[in-house]
């Protein structure tokens, strides 16, 4: 059974940077396109960005372009989310997700993702 585990969340100040990691077990990262999502209590899960199998293509929520960067190291079975110039509005539970097939990951369609992690909390204070 494929399991995803996020790490790296925490409490930071506005303007700080943070890097989240997502590791996979029970499967091989290179066989999945990957995505990051975030969710605030009471709101819908929001697409942050995604990356194709090789890492050569990335897609981002328009409002996050330039501040967030997704990368992957398939040799280490690890996905990353580098977040810069963090704002209080970035406070959320961040999830990684794996998509086995199809191109829906590019638009962050949650239904196209087959596996989800439990999330890691990011809190940005003003």
N, C-alpha and C. Protein backbone atom coordinates (compact mmCIF):
# COMPACT_ATOMS: atom_id res chain seq x y z
N UNK A 1 0.83 -1.18 0.00
CA UNK A 1 0.00 0.00 0.00
C UNK A 1 0.88 1.25 0.00
N UNK A 2 0.62 2.12 -0.94
CA UNK A 2 1.39 3.37 -1.03
C UNK A 2 1.00 4.29 0.11
N UNK A 3 2.00 4.84 0.76
CA UNK A 3 1.77 5.83 1.81
C UNK A 3 2.65 7.04 1.55
N UNK A 4 2.09 8.21 1.78
CA UNK A 4 2.80 9.46 1.64
C UNK A 4 2.90 10.12 3.01
N UNK A 5 4.09 10.65 3.30
CA UNK A 5 4.29 11.30 4.59
C UNK A 5 4.94 12.65 4.39
N UNK A 6 4.25 13.68 4.81
CA UNK A 6 4.78 15.04 4.74
C UNK A 6 5.54 15.39 6.00
N UNK A 7 6.50 16.29 5.85
CA UNK A 7 7.25 16.80 6.99
C UNK A 7 7.77 18.18 6.66
N UNK A 8 8.23 18.86 7.68
CA UNK A 8 8.84 20.16 7.47
C UNK A 8 7.98 21.35 7.84
N UNK A 9 6.75 21.10 8.21
CA UNK A 9 5.89 22.20 8.61
C UNK A 9 6.31 22.79 9.95
N UNK A 10 5.72 23.91 10.29
CA UNK A 10 6.04 24.54 11.56
C UNK A 10 5.50 25.95 11.63
N UNK A 11 5.93 26.65 12.64
CA UNK A 11 5.53 28.03 12.88
C UNK A 11 6.67 28.95 12.43
N UNK A 12 6.37 29.84 11.52
CA UNK A 12 7.36 30.78 11.02
C UNK A 12 6.77 32.18 11.00
N UNK A 13 7.62 33.15 10.78
CA UNK A 13 7.16 34.54 10.69
C UNK A 13 6.97 34.93 9.22
N UNK A 14 6.15 35.91 9.03
CA UNK A 14 5.94 36.43 7.68
C UNK A 14 7.27 36.84 7.07
N UNK A 15 7.47 36.46 5.81
CA UNK A 15 8.71 36.76 5.12
C UNK A 15 9.73 35.63 5.16
N UNK A 16 9.51 34.67 6.05
CA UNK A 16 10.42 33.54 6.16
C UNK A 16 10.20 32.55 5.01
N UNK A 17 11.11 31.59 4.94
CA UNK A 17 11.01 30.50 3.97
C UNK A 17 10.88 29.18 4.72
N UNK A 18 10.31 28.22 4.03
CA UNK A 18 10.12 26.90 4.61
C UNK A 18 10.14 25.88 3.48
N UNK A 19 10.72 24.73 3.71
CA UNK A 19 10.70 23.67 2.73
C UNK A 19 10.01 22.45 3.30
N UNK A 20 8.97 22.02 2.62
CA UNK A 20 8.26 20.81 2.99
C UNK A 20 8.78 19.64 2.18
N UNK A 21 8.73 18.48 2.79
CA UNK A 21 9.13 17.25 2.10
C UNK A 21 7.98 16.25 2.15
N UNK A 22 7.98 15.38 1.18
CA UNK A 22 6.98 14.32 1.11
C UNK A 22 7.70 13.06 0.67
N UNK A 23 7.68 12.05 1.50
CA UNK A 23 8.32 10.80 1.16
C UNK A 23 7.26 9.73 0.89
N UNK A 24 7.63 8.78 0.07
CA UNK A 24 6.71 7.72 -0.31
C UNK A 24 7.22 6.38 0.21
N UNK A 25 6.31 5.54 0.63
CA UNK A 25 6.64 4.17 0.99
C UNK A 25 5.60 3.24 0.36
N UNK A 26 6.02 2.02 0.10
CA UNK A 26 5.12 1.08 -0.55
C UNK A 26 4.98 1.32 -2.03
N UNK A 27 5.81 2.18 -2.57
CA UNK A 27 5.76 2.49 -3.99
C UNK A 27 7.00 3.27 -4.39
N UNK A 28 7.09 3.61 -5.65
CA UNK A 28 8.23 4.34 -6.19
C UNK A 28 7.78 5.69 -6.70
N UNK A 29 8.42 6.72 -6.22
CA UNK A 29 7.98 8.08 -6.55
C UNK A 29 7.95 8.33 -8.05
N UNK A 30 8.91 7.76 -8.77
CA UNK A 30 9.03 8.04 -10.19
C UNK A 30 7.83 7.56 -11.01
N UNK A 31 6.99 6.73 -10.44
CA UNK A 31 5.82 6.23 -11.16
C UNK A 31 4.60 7.12 -10.99
N UNK A 32 4.76 8.24 -10.27
CA UNK A 32 3.64 9.13 -10.00
C UNK A 32 3.96 10.56 -10.40
N UNK A 33 2.98 11.23 -10.97
CA UNK A 33 3.00 12.68 -10.97
C UNK A 33 2.55 13.09 -9.57
N UNK A 34 3.06 14.22 -9.09
CA UNK A 34 2.82 14.59 -7.71
C UNK A 34 2.24 15.99 -7.61
N UNK A 35 1.53 16.20 -6.53
CA UNK A 35 0.94 17.51 -6.31
C UNK A 35 0.99 17.90 -4.85
N UNK A 36 0.88 19.19 -4.63
CA UNK A 36 0.74 19.76 -3.29
C UNK A 36 -0.59 20.50 -3.23
N UNK A 37 -1.26 20.32 -2.11
CA UNK A 37 -2.51 21.00 -1.84
C UNK A 37 -2.44 21.58 -0.44
N UNK A 38 -3.36 22.48 -0.13
CA UNK A 38 -3.44 23.01 1.22
C UNK A 38 -4.89 23.24 1.58
N UNK A 39 -5.13 23.25 2.86
CA UNK A 39 -6.50 23.41 3.33
C UNK A 39 -6.54 24.13 4.65
N UNK A 40 -7.45 25.07 4.73
CA UNK A 40 -7.73 25.80 5.96
C UNK A 40 -9.07 25.29 6.49
N UNK A 41 -9.19 25.12 7.81
CA UNK A 41 -10.48 24.63 8.34
C UNK A 41 -11.65 25.46 7.85
N UNK A 42 -12.68 24.77 7.39
CA UNK A 42 -13.87 25.45 6.92
C UNK A 42 -13.83 25.86 5.46
N UNK A 43 -12.70 25.60 4.82
CA UNK A 43 -12.57 25.93 3.39
C UNK A 43 -12.21 24.69 2.59
N UNK A 44 -12.43 24.78 1.28
CA UNK A 44 -12.11 23.66 0.41
C UNK A 44 -10.60 23.50 0.26
N UNK A 45 -10.21 22.27 -0.03
CA UNK A 45 -8.81 22.01 -0.31
C UNK A 45 -8.40 22.78 -1.57
N UNK A 46 -7.24 23.37 -1.53
CA UNK A 46 -6.77 24.27 -2.59
C UNK A 46 -5.51 23.72 -3.24
N UNK A 47 -5.50 23.76 -4.55
CA UNK A 47 -4.34 23.31 -5.32
C UNK A 47 -3.20 24.30 -5.16
N UNK A 48 -2.02 23.79 -4.81
CA UNK A 48 -0.82 24.61 -4.70
C UNK A 48 0.01 24.50 -5.98
N UNK A 49 0.29 23.28 -6.39
CA UNK A 49 1.07 23.05 -7.59
C UNK A 49 1.30 21.58 -7.81
N UNK A 50 1.89 21.26 -8.95
CA UNK A 50 2.15 19.86 -9.28
C UNK A 50 3.38 19.73 -10.14
N UNK A 51 3.82 18.51 -10.29
CA UNK A 51 5.06 18.24 -11.03
C UNK A 51 4.92 16.92 -11.75
N UNK A 52 5.47 16.85 -12.95
CA UNK A 52 5.33 15.62 -13.71
C UNK A 52 6.31 14.55 -13.21
N UNK A 53 6.26 13.40 -13.85
CA UNK A 53 6.99 12.24 -13.35
C UNK A 53 8.49 12.48 -13.27
N UNK A 54 9.04 13.14 -14.26
CA UNK A 54 10.49 13.33 -14.31
C UNK A 54 10.94 14.57 -13.56
N UNK A 55 10.01 15.47 -13.31
CA UNK A 55 10.37 16.72 -12.67
C UNK A 55 10.67 17.84 -13.66
N UNK A 56 10.48 17.56 -14.93
CA UNK A 56 10.81 18.55 -15.95
C UNK A 56 9.72 19.61 -16.14
N UNK A 57 8.52 19.33 -15.66
CA UNK A 57 7.41 20.27 -15.81
C UNK A 57 6.74 20.49 -14.46
N UNK A 58 6.45 21.75 -14.17
CA UNK A 58 5.75 22.11 -12.95
C UNK A 58 4.59 23.04 -13.27
N UNK A 59 3.59 23.00 -12.43
CA UNK A 59 2.38 23.81 -12.60
C UNK A 59 2.03 24.40 -11.24
N UNK A 60 1.59 25.64 -11.24
CA UNK A 60 1.33 26.31 -9.97
C UNK A 60 0.00 27.06 -10.01
N UNK A 61 -0.56 27.19 -8.84
CA UNK A 61 -1.67 28.12 -8.66
C UNK A 61 -1.15 29.50 -9.02
N UNK A 62 -1.91 30.24 -9.80
CA UNK A 62 -1.44 31.52 -10.31
C UNK A 62 -0.94 32.43 -9.20
N UNK A 63 -1.65 32.48 -8.10
CA UNK A 63 -1.31 33.42 -7.03
C UNK A 63 -0.02 33.05 -6.31
N UNK A 64 0.48 31.83 -6.55
CA UNK A 64 1.67 31.37 -5.84
C UNK A 64 2.92 31.36 -6.73
N UNK A 65 2.73 31.61 -7.99
CA UNK A 65 3.88 31.61 -8.91
C UNK A 65 4.90 32.63 -8.47
N UNK A 66 6.15 32.20 -8.48
CA UNK A 66 7.24 33.08 -8.10
C UNK A 66 7.64 32.97 -6.65
N UNK A 67 6.72 32.49 -5.80
CA UNK A 67 7.06 32.32 -4.39
C UNK A 67 7.25 30.85 -4.00
N UNK A 68 6.51 29.97 -4.63
CA UNK A 68 6.57 28.55 -4.31
C UNK A 68 7.26 27.79 -5.45
N UNK A 69 8.02 26.78 -5.09
CA UNK A 69 8.70 25.97 -6.08
C UNK A 69 8.62 24.49 -5.70
N UNK A 70 8.20 23.69 -6.65
CA UNK A 70 8.09 22.25 -6.43
C UNK A 70 9.22 21.54 -7.15
N UNK A 71 9.82 20.60 -6.48
CA UNK A 71 10.86 19.78 -7.09
C UNK A 71 10.75 18.36 -6.55
N UNK A 72 11.50 17.48 -7.15
CA UNK A 72 11.47 16.09 -6.71
C UNK A 72 12.83 15.45 -6.91
N UNK A 73 13.12 14.48 -6.07
CA UNK A 73 14.32 13.68 -6.23
C UNK A 73 13.86 12.23 -6.25
N UNK A 74 13.73 11.69 -7.44
CA UNK A 74 13.20 10.33 -7.56
C UNK A 74 14.14 9.29 -6.97
N UNK A 75 15.42 9.59 -6.98
CA UNK A 75 16.38 8.64 -6.38
C UNK A 75 16.16 8.51 -4.89
N UNK A 76 15.70 9.60 -4.28
CA UNK A 76 15.44 9.60 -2.84
C UNK A 76 13.97 9.42 -2.52
N UNK A 77 13.16 9.23 -3.57
CA UNK A 77 11.71 9.06 -3.37
C UNK A 77 11.12 10.20 -2.55
N UNK A 78 11.53 11.40 -2.84
CA UNK A 78 11.12 12.56 -2.06
C UNK A 78 10.67 13.70 -2.96
N UNK A 79 9.57 14.30 -2.57
CA UNK A 79 9.02 15.48 -3.20
C UNK A 79 9.22 16.66 -2.28
N UNK A 80 9.42 17.84 -2.87
CA UNK A 80 9.67 19.03 -2.07
C UNK A 80 8.73 20.17 -2.46
N UNK A 81 8.49 21.02 -1.50
CA UNK A 81 7.79 22.28 -1.75
C UNK A 81 8.57 23.37 -1.04
N UNK A 82 9.25 24.19 -1.81
CA UNK A 82 9.98 25.33 -1.26
C UNK A 82 9.05 26.54 -1.25
N UNK A 83 8.85 27.11 -0.09
CA UNK A 83 7.94 28.25 0.06
C UNK A 83 8.74 29.44 0.55
N UNK A 84 8.71 30.51 -0.20
CA UNK A 84 9.45 31.72 0.13
C UNK A 84 8.51 32.88 0.38
N UNK A 85 9.04 33.88 1.07
CA UNK A 85 8.26 35.09 1.37
C UNK A 85 6.87 34.74 1.89
N UNK A 86 6.85 33.91 2.89
CA UNK A 86 5.58 33.41 3.41
C UNK A 86 4.74 34.53 4.00
N UNK A 87 3.43 34.36 3.84
CA UNK A 87 2.46 35.32 4.32
C UNK A 87 1.50 34.62 5.29
N UNK A 88 0.86 35.39 6.16
CA UNK A 88 -0.13 34.76 7.05
C UNK A 88 -1.21 33.98 6.29
N UNK A 89 -1.56 34.44 5.09
CA UNK A 89 -2.56 33.74 4.28
C UNK A 89 -2.09 32.36 3.81
N UNK A 90 -0.80 32.08 3.94
CA UNK A 90 -0.29 30.76 3.57
C UNK A 90 -0.50 29.73 4.68
N UNK A 91 -0.98 30.18 5.82
CA UNK A 91 -1.25 29.28 6.92
C UNK A 91 -2.28 28.24 6.52
N UNK A 92 -1.91 26.97 6.64
CA UNK A 92 -2.82 25.89 6.21
C UNK A 92 -2.18 24.55 6.55
N UNK A 93 -2.96 23.51 6.38
CA UNK A 93 -2.45 22.15 6.43
C UNK A 93 -2.07 21.78 5.00
N UNK A 94 -0.82 21.41 4.80
CA UNK A 94 -0.31 21.13 3.45
C UNK A 94 -0.23 19.62 3.24
N UNK A 95 -0.77 19.20 2.09
CA UNK A 95 -0.82 17.79 1.73
C UNK A 95 -0.04 17.54 0.44
N UNK A 96 0.61 16.40 0.37
CA UNK A 96 1.11 15.95 -0.91
C UNK A 96 0.19 14.83 -1.41
N UNK A 97 0.18 14.65 -2.72
CA UNK A 97 -0.69 13.66 -3.33
C UNK A 97 -0.02 13.08 -4.56
N UNK A 98 -0.35 11.84 -4.88
CA UNK A 98 0.27 11.13 -5.99
C UNK A 98 -0.78 10.74 -7.02
N UNK A 99 -0.45 10.98 -8.27
CA UNK A 99 -1.35 10.65 -9.38
C UNK A 99 -0.67 9.62 -10.28
N UNK A 100 -1.34 8.48 -10.45
CA UNK A 100 -0.73 7.37 -11.19
C UNK A 100 -0.84 7.52 -12.70
N UNK A 101 -1.86 8.18 -13.17
CA UNK A 101 -2.06 8.24 -14.62
C UNK A 101 -2.89 9.47 -14.98
N UNK A 102 -2.84 9.82 -16.27
CA UNK A 102 -3.63 10.93 -16.76
C UNK A 102 -2.93 12.26 -16.59
N UNK A 103 -3.55 13.28 -17.14
CA UNK A 103 -2.95 14.62 -17.14
C UNK A 103 -3.70 15.59 -16.23
N UNK A 104 -4.67 15.10 -15.51
CA UNK A 104 -5.42 15.98 -14.62
C UNK A 104 -4.60 16.60 -13.52
N UNK A 105 -3.45 16.00 -13.23
CA UNK A 105 -2.59 16.55 -12.17
C UNK A 105 -2.13 17.97 -12.52
N UNK A 106 -2.09 18.27 -13.82
CA UNK A 106 -1.61 19.59 -14.23
C UNK A 106 -2.51 20.71 -13.73
N UNK A 107 -3.80 20.43 -13.68
CA UNK A 107 -4.76 21.43 -13.20
C UNK A 107 -5.11 21.23 -11.73
N UNK A 108 -4.49 20.22 -11.13
CA UNK A 108 -4.75 19.99 -9.72
C UNK A 108 -6.13 19.46 -9.41
N UNK A 109 -6.66 18.64 -10.32
CA UNK A 109 -7.98 18.04 -10.06
C UNK A 109 -7.83 16.97 -9.00
N UNK A 110 -8.41 17.18 -7.82
CA UNK A 110 -8.21 16.22 -6.72
C UNK A 110 -8.60 14.78 -7.08
N UNK A 111 -9.61 14.64 -7.97
CA UNK A 111 -10.06 13.29 -8.30
C UNK A 111 -9.00 12.48 -9.05
N UNK A 112 -8.04 13.17 -9.64
CA UNK A 112 -7.01 12.45 -10.41
C UNK A 112 -5.86 11.97 -9.54
N UNK A 113 -5.90 12.32 -8.26
CA UNK A 113 -4.84 11.89 -7.35
C UNK A 113 -5.31 10.66 -6.58
N UNK A 114 -4.46 9.65 -6.60
CA UNK A 114 -4.84 8.35 -6.04
C UNK A 114 -4.47 8.18 -4.58
N UNK A 115 -3.43 8.86 -4.16
CA UNK A 115 -2.95 8.70 -2.79
C UNK A 115 -2.68 10.07 -2.18
N UNK A 116 -2.96 10.17 -0.88
CA UNK A 116 -2.81 11.42 -0.16
C UNK A 116 -2.08 11.19 1.15
N UNK A 117 -1.27 12.18 1.53
CA UNK A 117 -0.65 12.14 2.84
C UNK A 117 -1.60 12.69 3.90
N UNK A 118 -1.13 12.69 5.13
CA UNK A 118 -1.93 13.17 6.26
C UNK A 118 -1.80 14.67 6.47
N UNK A 119 -0.79 15.26 5.86
CA UNK A 119 -0.63 16.71 5.94
C UNK A 119 0.37 17.14 6.99
N UNK A 120 0.93 18.31 6.77
CA UNK A 120 1.82 18.94 7.74
C UNK A 120 1.38 20.39 7.89
N UNK A 121 1.31 20.86 9.12
CA UNK A 121 0.76 22.19 9.39
C UNK A 121 1.82 23.27 9.19
N UNK A 122 1.45 24.29 8.47
CA UNK A 122 2.29 25.48 8.30
C UNK A 122 1.52 26.66 8.87
N UNK A 123 2.14 27.35 9.80
CA UNK A 123 1.53 28.52 10.42
C UNK A 123 2.48 29.70 10.25
N UNK A 124 1.97 30.76 9.66
CA UNK A 124 2.77 31.95 9.42
C UNK A 124 2.22 33.08 10.26
N UNK A 125 3.04 33.58 11.15
CA UNK A 125 2.60 34.67 12.02
C UNK A 125 2.97 36.02 11.40
N UNK A 126 2.17 37.01 11.71
CA UNK A 126 2.41 38.35 11.13
C UNK A 126 3.34 39.16 12.01
